[in-house]
Amino acid sequence: MVFSIILQILLGIGFIMFGYQKFVSEDMKQGFKYFGYGDGFRLFTGFFEILSAVIVIVGIWVKPFAAVGGIMIVVTMIGAILTHIKMKDTVKNMMMPIILLILGVIVLIINGSYLF
């Protein structure tokens, strides 16, 4: 479905950028310290986001991968939202993870049947 492919491309590009930033951005380094997470978790998160991006993009051609990538994105965004809740952040600061969570769920729903 064209809609799913567009979402997969957008999520893939976005998560490659988000993941890359975990490795190079001083703001990300400071942000993870502020949230109480160490460098190891920051690097793991960056790797997991890039891996999620690659898997969701490969899912354009290998449909079960789209669902797996969707699951990975959903799990990552639940973690991000819980971190914002832990820090008593405003809903405004949670909007990007919430939107990405919804998009990940949509990709999962559209492609979930390919898992079985």
PDB file of N, CA and C in Angstrom:
ATOM      1  N   MET A   1       0.843  -1.182   0.000  1.00  0.00           N
ATOM      2  CA  MET A   1       0.000   0.000   0.000  1.00  0.00           C
ATOM      3  C   MET A   1       0.890   1.249   0.000  1.00  0.00           C
ATOM      4  N   VAL A   2       0.537   2.204  -0.819  1.00  0.00           N
ATOM      5  CA  VAL A   2       1.348   3.415  -1.008  1.00  0.00           C
ATOM      6  C   VAL A   2       1.460   4.213   0.286  1.00  0.00           C
ATOM      7  N   PHE A   3       0.373   4.300   1.030  1.00  0.00           N
ATOM      8  CA  PHE A   3       0.386   5.057   2.291  1.00  0.00           C
ATOM      9  C   PHE A   3       1.428   4.496   3.253  1.00  0.00           C
ATOM     10  N   SER A   4       1.459   3.176   3.382  1.00  0.00           N
ATOM     11  CA  SER A   4       2.433   2.540   4.269  1.00  0.00           C
ATOM     12  C   SER A   4       3.856   2.795   3.790  1.00  0.00           C
ATOM     13  N   ILE A   5       4.084   2.728   2.494  1.00  0.00           N
ATOM     14  CA  ILE A   5       5.432   2.964   1.953  1.00  0.00           C
ATOM     15  C   ILE A   5       5.887   4.386   2.271  1.00  0.00           C
ATOM     16  N   ILE A   6       4.989   5.346   2.105  1.00  0.00           N
ATOM     17  CA  ILE A   6       5.333   6.740   2.424  1.00  0.00           C
ATOM     18  C   ILE A   6       5.682   6.872   3.898  1.00  0.00           C
ATOM     19  N   LEU A   7       4.866   6.267   4.780  1.00  0.00           N
ATOM     20  CA  LEU A   7       5.155   6.322   6.217  1.00  0.00           C
ATOM     21  C   LEU A   7       6.484   5.645   6.536  1.00  0.00           C
ATOM     22  N   GLN A   8       6.748   4.514   5.898  1.00  0.00           N
ATOM     23  CA  GLN A   8       7.992   3.801   6.145  1.00  0.00           C
ATOM     24  C   GLN A   8       9.200   4.633   5.718  1.00  0.00           C
ATOM     25  N   ILE A   9       9.094   5.309   4.596  1.00  0.00           N
ATOM     26  CA  ILE A   9      10.198   6.161   4.143  1.00  0.00           C
ATOM     27  C   ILE A   9      10.398   7.320   5.123  1.00  0.00           C
ATOM     28  N   LEU A  10       9.309   7.970   5.516  1.00  0.00           N
ATOM     29  CA  LEU A  10       9.412   9.098   6.453  1.00  0.00           C
ATOM     30  C   LEU A  10       9.991   8.651   7.795  1.00  0.00           C
ATOM     31  N   LEU A  11       9.468   7.540   8.332  1.00  0.00           N
ATOM     32  CA  LEU A  11       9.988   7.032   9.599  1.00  0.00           C
ATOM     33  C   LEU A  11      11.441   6.605   9.462  1.00  0.00           C
ATOM     34  N   GLY A  12      11.763   5.964   8.343  1.00  0.00           N
ATOM     35  CA  GLY A  12      13.139   5.525   8.128  1.00  0.00           C
ATOM     36  C   GLY A  12      14.118   6.680   8.094  1.00  0.00           C
ATOM     37  N   ILE A  13      13.791   7.687   7.317  1.00  0.00           N
ATOM     38  CA  ILE A  13      14.672   8.865   7.235  1.00  0.00           C
ATOM     39  C   ILE A  13      14.764   9.551   8.596  1.00  0.00           C
ATOM     40  N   GLY A  14      13.625   9.718   9.238  1.00  0.00           N
ATOM     41  CA  GLY A  14      13.600  10.377  10.553  1.00  0.00           C
ATOM     42  C   GLY A  14      14.428   9.629  11.582  1.00  0.00           C
ATOM     43  N   PHE A  15      14.265   8.312  11.638  1.00  0.00           N
ATOM     44  CA  PHE A  15      14.976   7.548  12.656  1.00  0.00           C
ATOM     45  C   PHE A  15      16.462   7.409  12.350  1.00  0.00           C
ATOM     46  N   ILE A  16      16.835   7.465  11.090  1.00  0.00           N
ATOM     47  CA  ILE A  16      18.271   7.517  10.777  1.00  0.00           C
ATOM     48  C   ILE A  16      18.845   8.825  11.331  1.00  0.00           C
ATOM     49  N   MET A  17      18.136   9.921  11.114  1.00  0.00           N
ATOM     50  CA  MET A  17      18.617  11.225  11.616  1.00  0.00           C
ATOM     51  C   MET A  17      18.616  11.254  13.143  1.00  0.00           C
ATOM     52  N   PHE A  18      17.522  10.766  13.761  1.00  0.00           N
ATOM     53  CA  PHE A  18      17.447  10.769  15.233  1.00  0.00           C
ATOM     54  C   PHE A  18      18.555   9.905  15.824  1.00  0.00           C
ATOM     55  N   GLY A  19      18.752   8.736  15.240  1.00  0.00           N
ATOM     56  CA  GLY A  19      19.785   7.835  15.745  1.00  0.00           C
ATOM     57  C   GLY A  19      21.179   8.411  15.594  1.00  0.00           C
ATOM     58  N   TYR A  20      21.442   8.995  14.436  1.00  0.00           N
ATOM     59  CA  TYR A  20      22.748   9.618  14.181  1.00  0.00           C
ATOM     60  C   TYR A  20      23.029  10.725  15.201  1.00  0.00           C
ATOM     61  N   GLN A  21      22.005  11.499  15.515  1.00  0.00           N
ATOM     62  CA  GLN A  21      22.179  12.587  16.482  1.00  0.00           C
ATOM     63  C   GLN A  21      22.598  12.070  17.852  1.00  0.00           C
ATOM     64  N   LYS A  22      22.178  10.859  18.194  1.00  0.00           N
ATOM     65  CA  LYS A  22      22.568  10.285  19.495  1.00  0.00           C
ATOM     66  C   LYS A  22      24.075  10.092  19.575  1.00  0.00           C
ATOM     67  N   PHE A  23      24.730   9.938  18.429  1.00  0.00           N
ATOM     68  CA  PHE A  23      26.174   9.716  18.396  1.00  0.00           C
ATOM     69  C   PHE A  23      26.973  11.017  18.350  1.00  0.00           C
ATOM     70  N   VAL A  24      26.428  12.065  17.733  1.00  0.00           N
ATOM     71  CA  VAL A  24      27.248  13.245  17.453  1.00  0.00           C
ATOM     72  C   VAL A  24      26.790  14.533  18.141  1.00  0.00           C
ATOM     73  N   SER A  25      25.580  14.611  18.589  1.00  0.00           N
ATOM     74  CA  SER A  25      25.032  15.863  19.106  1.00  0.00           C
ATOM     75  C   SER A  25      25.372  16.064  20.581  1.00  0.00           C
ATOM     76  N   GLU A  26      25.965  17.202  20.865  1.00  0.00           N
ATOM     77  CA  GLU A  26      26.254  17.556  22.254  1.00  0.00           C
ATOM     78  C   GLU A  26      24.955  17.754  23.025  1.00  0.00           C
ATOM     79  N   ASP A  27      23.940  18.295  22.373  1.00  0.00           N
ATOM     80  CA  ASP A  27      22.632  18.458  23.023  1.00  0.00           C
ATOM     81  C   ASP A  27      22.056  17.114  23.445  1.00  0.00           C
ATOM     82  N   MET A  28      22.206  16.106  22.590  1.00  0.00           N
ATOM     83  CA  MET A  28      21.718  14.760  22.932  1.00  0.00           C
ATOM     84  C   MET A  28      22.494  14.203  24.122  1.00  0.00           C
ATOM     85  N   LYS A  29      23.799  14.404  24.117  1.00  0.00           N
ATOM     86  CA  LYS A  29      24.610  13.926  25.237  1.00  0.00           C
ATOM     87  C   LYS A  29      24.133  14.558  26.540  1.00  0.00           C
ATOM     88  N   GLN A  30      23.917  15.866  26.513  1.00  0.00           N
ATOM     89  CA  GLN A  30      23.448  16.568  27.707  1.00  0.00           C
ATOM     90  C   GLN A  30      22.027  16.148  28.077  1.00  0.00           C
ATOM     91  N   GLY A  31      21.189  15.940  27.056  1.00  0.00           N
ATOM     92  CA  GLY A  31      19.814  15.528  27.293  1.00  0.00           C
ATOM     93  C   GLY A  31      19.743  14.184  28.001  1.00  0.00           C
ATOM     94  N   PHE A  32      20.549  13.231  27.568  1.00  0.00           N
ATOM     95  CA  PHE A  32      20.545  11.922  28.202  1.00  0.00           C
ATOM     96  C   PHE A  32      21.063  12.014  29.638  1.00  0.00           C
ATOM     97  N   LYS A  33      22.050  12.858  29.875  1.00  0.00           N
ATOM     98  CA  LYS A  33      22.528  13.069  31.249  1.00  0.00           C
ATOM     99  C   LYS A  33      21.412  13.672  32.104  1.00  0.00           C
ATOM    100  N   TYR A  34      20.713  14.661  31.546  1.00  0.00           N
ATOM    101  CA  TYR A  34      19.598  15.298  32.251  1.00  0.00           C
ATOM    102  C   TYR A  34      18.522  14.274  32.617  1.00  0.00           C
ATOM    103  N   PHE A  35      18.256  13.350  31.699  1.00  0.00           N
ATOM    104  CA  PHE A  35      17.239  12.328  31.949  1.00  0.00           C
ATOM    105  C   PHE A  35      17.734  11.241  32.900  1.00  0.00           C
ATOM    106  N   GLY A  36      19.022  11.266  33.225  1.00  0.00           N
ATOM    107  CA  GLY A  36      19.577  10.286  34.150  1.00  0.00           C
ATOM    108  C   GLY A  36      20.093   9.025  33.473  1.00  0.00           C
ATOM    109  N   TYR A  37      20.351   9.109  32.173  1.00  0.00           N
ATOM    110  CA  TYR A  37      20.846   7.955  31.424  1.00  0.00           C
ATOM    111  C   TYR A  37      22.311   8.168  31.064  1.00  0.00           C
ATOM    112  N   GLY A  38      23.067   7.083  31.039  1.00  0.00           N
ATOM    113  CA  GLY A  38      24.481   7.150  30.719  1.00  0.00           C
ATOM    114  C   GLY A  38      24.750   7.122  29.219  1.00  0.00           C
ATOM    115  N   ASP A  39      26.022   7.266  28.894  1.00  0.00           N
ATOM    116  CA  ASP A  39      26.436   7.251  27.483  1.00  0.00           C
ATOM    117  C   ASP A  39      26.141   5.919  26.813  1.00  0.00           C
ATOM    118  N   GLY A  40      26.271   4.830  27.550  1.00  0.00           N
ATOM    119  CA  GLY A  40      25.991   3.518  26.972  1.00  0.00           C
ATOM    120  C   GLY A  40      24.555   3.410  26.482  1.00  0.00           C
ATOM    121  N   PHE A  41      23.625   3.905  27.282  1.00  0.00           N
ATOM    122  CA  PHE A  41      22.215   3.856  26.881  1.00  0.00           C
ATOM    123  C   PHE A  41      21.949   4.783  25.707  1.00  0.00           C
ATOM    124  N   ARG A  42      22.615   5.943  25.699  1.00  0.00           N
ATOM    125  CA  ARG A  42      22.472   6.880  24.575  1.00  0.00           C
ATOM    126  C   ARG A  42      22.941   6.226  23.280  1.00  0.00           C
ATOM    127  N   LEU A  43      24.094   5.577  23.322  1.00  0.00           N
ATOM    128  CA  LEU A  43      24.628   4.917  22.132  1.00  0.00           C
ATOM    129  C   LEU A  43      23.756   3.737  21.712  1.00  0.00           C
ATOM    130  N   PHE A  44      23.284   2.964  22.693  1.00  0.00           N
ATOM    131  CA  PHE A  44      22.374   1.865  22.382  1.00  0.00           C
ATOM    132  C   PHE A  44      21.110   2.395  21.706  1.00  0.00           C
ATOM    133  N   THR A  45      20.562   3.478  22.241  1.00  0.00           N
ATOM    134  CA  THR A  45      19.350   4.073  21.677  1.00  0.00           C
ATOM    135  C   THR A  45      19.602   4.528  20.244  1.00  0.00           C
ATOM    136  N   GLY A  46      20.725   5.178  19.995  1.00  0.00           N
ATOM    137  CA  GLY A  46      21.070   5.613  18.647  1.00  0.00           C
ATOM    138  C   GLY A  46      21.182   4.443  17.690  1.00  0.00           C
ATOM    139  N   PHE A  47      21.864   3.386  18.118  1.00  0.00           N
ATOM    140  CA  PHE A  47      21.998   2.187  17.290  1.00  0.00           C
ATOM    141  C   PHE A  47      20.634   1.570  17.017  1.00  0.00           C
ATOM    142  N   PHE A  48      19.803   1.457  18.060  1.00  0.00           N
ATOM    143  CA  PHE A  48      18.481   0.840  17.925  1.00  0.00           C
ATOM    144  C   PHE A  48      17.596   1.657  16.983  1.00  0.00           C
ATOM    145  N   GLU A  49      17.692   2.988  17.051  1.00  0.00           N
ATOM    146  CA  GLU A  49      16.907   3.834  16.154  1.00  0.00           C
ATOM    147  C   GLU A  49      17.348   3.672  14.701  1.00  0.00           C
ATOM    148  N   ILE A  50      18.642   3.611  14.466  1.00  0.00           N
ATOM    149  CA  ILE A  50      19.138   3.415  13.101  1.00  0.00           C
ATOM    150  C   ILE A  50      18.748   2.030  12.592  1.00  0.00           C
ATOM    151  N   LEU A  51      18.875   1.020  13.437  1.00  0.00           N
ATOM    152  CA  LEU A  51      18.468  -0.326  13.057  1.00  0.00           C
ATOM    153  C   LEU A  51      16.967  -0.367  12.740  1.00  0.00           C
ATOM    154  N   SER A  52      16.163   0.295  13.559  1.00  0.00           N
ATOM    155  CA  SER A  52      14.719   0.376  13.306  1.00  0.00           C
ATOM    156  C   SER A  52      14.446   0.997  11.943  1.00  0.00           C
ATOM    157  N   ALA A  53      15.179   2.054  11.636  1.00  0.00           N
ATOM    158  CA  ALA A  53      15.010   2.750  10.354  1.00  0.00           C
ATOM    159  C   ALA A  53      15.322   1.823   9.185  1.00  0.00           C
ATOM    160  N   VAL A  54      16.440   1.123   9.284  1.00  0.00           N
ATOM    161  CA  VAL A  54      16.835   0.220   8.200  1.00  0.00           C
ATOM    162  C   VAL A  54      15.786  -0.886   8.029  1.00  0.00           C
ATOM    163  N   ILE A  55      15.338  -1.447   9.125  1.00  0.00           N
ATOM    164  CA  ILE A  55      14.359  -2.541   9.055  1.00  0.00           C
ATOM    165  C   ILE A  55      13.030  -2.055   8.482  1.00  0.00           C
ATOM    166  N   VAL A  56      12.563  -0.883   8.901  1.00  0.00           N
ATOM    167  CA  VAL A  56      11.280  -0.396   8.390  1.00  0.00           C
ATOM    168  C   VAL A  56      11.384  -0.045   6.901  1.00  0.00           C
ATOM    169  N   ILE A  57      12.544   0.409   6.456  1.00  0.00           N
ATOM    170  CA  ILE A  57      12.724   0.696   5.027  1.00  0.00           C
ATOM    171  C   ILE A  57      12.821  -0.603   4.223  1.00  0.00           C
ATOM    172  N   VAL A  58      13.558  -1.584   4.727  1.00  0.00           N
ATOM    173  CA  VAL A  58      13.625  -2.880   4.054  1.00  0.00           C
ATOM    174  C   VAL A  58      12.218  -3.483   3.946  1.00  0.00           C
ATOM    175  N   GLY A  59      11.366  -3.152   4.915  1.00  0.00           N
ATOM    176  CA  GLY A  59       9.996  -3.629   4.914  1.00  0.00           C
ATOM    177  C   GLY A  59       9.167  -3.188   3.710  1.00  0.00           C
ATOM    178  N   ILE A  60       9.654  -2.215   2.964  1.00  0.00           N
ATOM    179  CA  ILE A  60       8.970  -1.827   1.722  1.00  0.00           C
ATOM    180  C   ILE A  60       8.963  -3.012   0.761  1.00  0.00           C
ATOM    181  N   TRP A  61      10.033  -3.800   0.766  1.00  0.00           N
ATOM    182  CA  TRP A  61      10.173  -4.936  -0.140  1.00  0.00           C
ATOM    183  C   TRP A  61       9.914  -6.269   0.554  1.00  0.00           C
ATOM    184  N   VAL A  62      10.257  -6.360   1.832  1.00  0.00           N
ATOM    185  CA  VAL A  62      10.067  -7.592   2.609  1.00  0.00           C
ATOM    186  C   VAL A  62       9.067  -7.261   3.712  1.00  0.00           C
ATOM    187  N   LYS A  63       7.799  -7.482   3.422  1.00  0.00           N
ATOM    188  CA  LYS A  63       6.697  -6.970   4.248  1.00  0.00           C
ATOM    189  C   LYS A  63       6.784  -7.286   5.739  1.00  0.00           C
ATOM    190  N   PRO A  64       7.195  -8.499   6.153  1.00  0.00           N
ATOM    191  CA  PRO A  64       7.275  -8.734   7.606  1.00  0.00           C
ATOM    192  C   PRO A  64       8.222  -7.762   8.315  1.00  0.00           C
ATOM    193  N   PHE A  65       9.252  -7.296   7.609  1.00  0.00           N
ATOM    194  CA  PHE A  65      10.189  -6.344   8.206  1.00  0.00           C
ATOM    195  C   PHE A  65       9.501  -5.024   8.548  1.00  0.00           C
ATOM    196  N   ALA A  66       8.516  -4.626   7.758  1.00  0.00           N
ATOM    197  CA  ALA A  66       7.785  -3.384   8.055  1.00  0.00           C
ATOM    198  C   ALA A  66       7.120  -3.481   9.418  1.00  0.00           C
ATOM    199  N   ALA A  67       6.504  -4.630   9.695  1.00  0.00           N
ATOM    200  CA  ALA A  67       5.849  -4.824  10.992  1.00  0.00           C
ATOM    201  C   ALA A  67       6.876  -4.844  12.129  1.00  0.00           C
ATOM    202  N   VAL A  68       7.986  -5.541  11.921  1.00  0.00           N
ATOM    203  CA  VAL A  68       9.038  -5.597  12.948  1.00  0.00           C
ATOM    204  C   VAL A  68       9.597  -4.195  13.201  1.00  0.00           C
ATOM    205  N   GLY A  69       9.872  -3.449  12.135  1.00  0.00           N
ATOM    206  CA  GLY A  69      10.344  -2.072  12.291  1.00  0.00           C
ATOM    207  C   GLY A  69       9.321  -1.212  13.014  1.00  0.00           C
ATOM    208  N   GLY A  70       8.046  -1.420  12.697  1.00  0.00           N
ATOM    209  CA  GLY A  70       6.984  -0.695  13.403  1.00  0.00           C
ATOM    210  C   GLY A  70       6.996  -0.991  14.889  1.00  0.00           C
ATOM    211  N   ILE A  71       7.161  -2.267  15.246  1.00  0.00           N
ATOM    212  CA  ILE A  71       7.234  -2.655  16.664  1.00  0.00           C
ATOM    213  C   ILE A  71       8.421  -1.968  17.332  1.00  0.00           C
ATOM    214  N   MET A  72       9.563  -1.972  16.663  1.00  0.00           N
ATOM    215  CA  MET A  72      10.763  -1.347  17.240  1.00  0.00           C
ATOM    216  C   MET A  72      10.546   0.148  17.470  1.00  0.00           C
ATOM    217  N   ILE A  73       9.906   0.808  16.527  1.00  0.00           N
ATOM    218  CA  ILE A  73       9.631   2.241  16.666  1.00  0.00           C
ATOM    219  C   ILE A  73       8.641   2.484  17.803  1.00  0.00           C
ATOM    220  N   VAL A  74       7.613   1.657  17.888  1.00  0.00           N
ATOM    221  CA  VAL A  74       6.623   1.798  18.965  1.00  0.00           C
ATOM    222  C   VAL A  74       7.300   1.642  20.325  1.00  0.00           C
ATOM    223  N   VAL A  75       8.131   0.620  20.471  1.00  0.00           N
ATOM    224  CA  VAL A  75       8.815   0.389  21.750  1.00  0.00           C
ATOM    225  C   VAL A  75       9.716   1.575  22.098  1.00  0.00           C
ATOM    226  N   THR A  76      10.449   2.069  21.115  1.00  0.00           N
ATOM    227  CA  THR A  76      11.342   3.213  21.341  1.00  0.00           C
ATOM    228  C   THR A  76      10.557   4.446  21.785  1.00  0.00           C
ATOM    229  N   MET A  77       9.440   4.702  21.137  1.00  0.00           N
ATOM    230  CA  MET A  77       8.653   5.897  21.462  1.00  0.00           C
ATOM    231  C   MET A  77       7.923   5.758  22.787  1.00  0.00           C
ATOM    232  N   ILE A  78       7.526   4.548  23.156  1.00  0.00           N
ATOM    233  CA  ILE A  78       6.959   4.348  24.499  1.00  0.00           C
ATOM    234  C   ILE A  78       8.017   4.686  25.540  1.00  0.00           C
ATOM    235  N   GLY A  79       9.252   4.245  25.310  1.00  0.00           N
ATOM    236  CA  GLY A  79      10.346   4.587  26.221  1.00  0.00           C
ATOM    237  C   GLY A  79      10.575   6.087  26.301  1.00  0.00           C
ATOM    238  N   ALA A  80      10.524   6.765  25.152  1.00  0.00           N
ATOM    239  CA  ALA A  80      10.718   8.221  25.142  1.00  0.00           C
ATOM    240  C   ALA A  80       9.594   8.918  25.905  1.00  0.00           C
ATOM    241  N   ILE A  81       8.367   8.485  25.678  1.00  0.00           N
ATOM    242  CA  ILE A  81       7.220   9.107  26.362  1.00  0.00           C
ATOM    243  C   ILE A  81       7.308   8.864  27.861  1.00  0.00           C
ATOM    244  N   LEU A  82       7.657   7.643  28.260  1.00  0.00           N
ATOM    245  CA  LEU A  82       7.795   7.356  29.693  1.00  0.00           C
ATOM    246  C   LEU A  82       8.902   8.194  30.326  1.00  0.00           C
ATOM    247  N   THR A  83       9.978   8.432  29.572  1.00  0.00           N
ATOM    248  CA  THR A  83      11.049   9.292  30.080  1.00  0.00           C
ATOM    249  C   THR A  83      10.531  10.712  30.294  1.00  0.00           C
ATOM    250  N   HIS A  84       9.769  11.229  29.343  1.00  0.00           N
ATOM    251  CA  HIS A  84       9.198  12.566  29.497  1.00  0.00           C
ATOM    252  C   HIS A  84       8.239  12.627  30.679  1.00  0.00           C
ATOM    253  N   ILE A  85       7.458  11.579  30.888  1.00  0.00           N
ATOM    254  CA  ILE A  85       6.540  11.529  32.034  1.00  0.00           C
ATOM    255  C   ILE A  85       7.344  11.508  33.327  1.00  0.00           C
ATOM    256  N   LYS A  86       8.407  10.692  33.364  1.00  0.00           N
ATOM    257  CA  LYS A  86       9.280  10.607  34.542  1.00  0.00           C
ATOM    258  C   LYS A  86       9.840  11.985  34.907  1.00  0.00           C
ATOM    259  N   MET A  87      10.177  12.764  33.870  1.00  0.00           N
ATOM    260  CA  MET A  87      10.763  14.085  34.094  1.00  0.00           C
ATOM    261  C   MET A  87       9.699  15.164  34.304  1.00  0.00           C
ATOM    262  N   LYS A  88       8.425  14.738  34.292  1.00  0.00           N
ATOM    263  CA  LYS A  88       7.295  15.662  34.475  1.00  0.00           C
ATOM    264  C   LYS A  88       7.296  16.760  33.417  1.00  0.00           C
ATOM    265  N   ASP A  89       7.632  16.347  32.196  1.00  0.00           N
ATOM    266  CA  ASP A  89       7.624  17.253  31.053  1.00  0.00           C
ATOM    267  C   ASP A  89       6.195  17.618  30.669  1.00  0.00           C
ATOM    268  N   THR A  90       6.069  18.668  29.916  1.00  0.00           N
ATOM    269  CA  THR A  90       4.758  19.076  29.420  1.00  0.00           C
ATOM    270  C   THR A  90       4.360  18.191  28.236  1.00  0.00           C
ATOM    271  N   VAL A  91       3.074  18.121  27.961  1.00  0.00           N
ATOM    272  CA  VAL A  91       2.584  17.363  26.810  1.00  0.00           C
ATOM    273  C   VAL A  91       3.190  17.932  25.526  1.00  0.00           C
ATOM    274  N   LYS A  92       3.386  19.233  25.483  1.00  0.00           N
ATOM    275  CA  LYS A  92       3.988  19.865  24.305  1.00  0.00           C
ATOM    276  C   LYS A  92       5.348  19.240  23.992  1.00  0.00           C
ATOM    277  N   ASN A  93       6.143  18.971  25.012  1.00  0.00           N
ATOM    278  CA  ASN A  93       7.461  18.366  24.806  1.00  0.00           C
ATOM    279  C   ASN A  93       7.382  16.894  24.423  1.00  0.00           C
ATOM    280  N   MET A  94       6.207  16.292  24.623  1.00  0.00           N
ATOM    281  CA  MET A  94       6.015  14.882  24.280  1.00  0.00           C
ATOM    282  C   MET A  94       5.386  14.694  22.902  1.00  0.00           C
ATOM    283  N   MET A  95       5.058  15.764  22.218  1.00  0.00           N
ATOM    284  CA  MET A  95       4.293  15.638  20.980  1.00  0.00           C
ATOM    285  C   MET A  95       5.041  14.865  19.887  1.00  0.00           C
ATOM    286  N   MET A  96       6.322  15.103  19.715  1.00  0.00           N
ATOM    287  CA  MET A  96       7.055  14.378  18.674  1.00  0.00           C
ATOM    288  C   MET A  96       7.066  12.876  18.951  1.00  0.00           C
ATOM    289  N   PRO A  97       7.422  12.427  20.163  1.00  0.00           N
ATOM    290  CA  PRO A  97       7.351  10.984  20.412  1.00  0.00           C
ATOM    291  C   PRO A  97       5.935  10.423  20.260  1.00  0.00           C
ATOM    292  N   ILE A  98       4.923  11.188  20.641  1.00  0.00           N
ATOM    293  CA  ILE A  98       3.541  10.723  20.503  1.00  0.00           C
ATOM    294  C   ILE A  98       3.184  10.551  19.022  1.00  0.00           C
ATOM    295  N   ILE A  99       3.547  11.522  18.204  1.00  0.00           N
ATOM    296  CA  ILE A  99       3.264  11.439  16.763  1.00  0.00           C
ATOM    297  C   ILE A  99       4.010  10.262  16.143  1.00  0.00           C
ATOM    298  N   LEU A 100       5.282  10.091  16.506  1.00  0.00           N
ATOM    299  CA  LEU A 100       6.063   8.974  15.964  1.00  0.00           C
ATOM    300  C   LEU A 100       5.514   7.636  16.443  1.00  0.00           C
ATOM    301  N   LEU A 101       5.029   7.585  17.675  1.00  0.00           N
ATOM    302  CA  LEU A 101       4.380   6.379  18.188  1.00  0.00           C
ATOM    303  C   LEU A 101       3.162   6.029  17.335  1.00  0.00           C
ATOM    304  N   ILE A 102       2.325   7.018  17.067  1.00  0.00           N
ATOM    305  CA  ILE A 102       1.121   6.797  16.262  1.00  0.00           C
ATOM    306  C   ILE A 102       1.489   6.316  14.863  1.00  0.00           C
ATOM    307  N   LEU A 103       2.495   6.948  14.242  1.00  0.00           N
ATOM    308  CA  LEU A 103       2.913   6.527  12.901  1.00  0.00           C
ATOM    309  C   LEU A 103       3.469   5.103  12.915  1.00  0.00           C
ATOM    310  N   GLY A 104       4.227   4.770  13.955  1.00  0.00           N
ATOM    311  CA  GLY A 104       4.736   3.399  14.088  1.00  0.00           C
ATOM    312  C   GLY A 104       3.611   2.391  14.246  1.00  0.00           C
ATOM    313  N   VAL A 105       2.595   2.744  15.028  1.00  0.00           N
ATOM    314  CA  VAL A 105       1.431   1.867  15.206  1.00  0.00           C
ATOM    315  C   VAL A 105       0.704   1.674  13.877  1.00  0.00           C
ATOM    316  N   ILE A 106       0.570   2.740  13.106  1.00  0.00           N
ATOM    317  CA  ILE A 106      -0.105   2.633  11.805  1.00  0.00           C
ATOM    318  C   ILE A 106       0.651   1.681  10.887  1.00  0.00           C
ATOM    319  N   VAL A 107       1.971   1.819  10.812  1.00  0.00           N
ATOM    320  CA  VAL A 107       2.773   0.909   9.984  1.00  0.00           C
ATOM    321  C   VAL A 107       2.604  -0.530  10.480  1.00  0.00           C
ATOM    322  N   LEU A 108       2.605  -0.724  11.795  1.00  0.00           N
ATOM    323  CA  LEU A 108       2.425  -2.051  12.359  1.00  0.00           C
ATOM    324  C   LEU A 108       1.058  -2.630  12.016  1.00  0.00           C
ATOM    325  N   ILE A 109       0.020  -1.836  12.151  1.00  0.00           N
ATOM    326  CA  ILE A 109      -1.334  -2.304  11.840  1.00  0.00           C
ATOM    327  C   ILE A 109      -1.462  -2.685  10.363  1.00  0.00           C
ATOM    328  N   ILE A 110      -0.953  -1.828   9.490  1.00  0.00           N
ATOM    329  CA  ILE A 110      -1.051  -2.111   8.054  1.00  0.00           C
ATOM    330  C   ILE A 110      -0.300  -3.365   7.664  1.00  0.00           C
ATOM    331  N   ASN A 111       0.852  -3.603   8.296  1.00  0.00           N
ATOM    332  CA  ASN A 111       1.725  -4.703   7.886  1.00  0.00           C
ATOM    333  C   ASN A 111       1.747  -5.879   8.854  1.00  0.00           C
ATOM    334  N   GLY A 112       1.024  -5.783   9.945  1.00  0.00           N
ATOM    335  CA  GLY A 112       1.048  -6.818  10.985  1.00  0.00           C
ATOM    336  C   GLY A 112       0.646  -8.193  10.501  1.00  0.00           C
ATOM    337  N   SER A 113      -0.246  -8.260   9.548  1.00  0.00           N
ATOM    338  CA  SER A 113      -0.707  -9.562   9.063  1.00  0.00           C
ATOM    339  C   SER A 113       0.411 -10.343   8.366  1.00  0.00           C
ATOM    340  N   TYR A 114       1.464  -9.655   7.925  1.00  0.00           N
ATOM    341  CA  TYR A 114       2.576 -10.332   7.253  1.00  0.00           C
ATOM    342  C   TYR A 114       3.471 -11.094   8.234  1.00  0.00           C
ATOM    343  N   LEU A 115       3.277 -10.870   9.543  1.00  0.00           N
ATOM    344  CA  LEU A 115       4.068 -11.566  10.540  1.00  0.00           C
ATOM    345  C   LEU A 115       3.644 -13.024  10.708  1.00  0.00           C
ATOM    346  N   PHE A 116       2.411 -13.319  10.345  1.00  0.00           N
ATOM    347  CA  PHE A 116       1.874 -14.672  10.607  1.00  0.00           C
ATOM    348  C   PHE A 116       1.553 -15.416   9.335  1.00  0.00           C
TER     349      PHE A 116
END
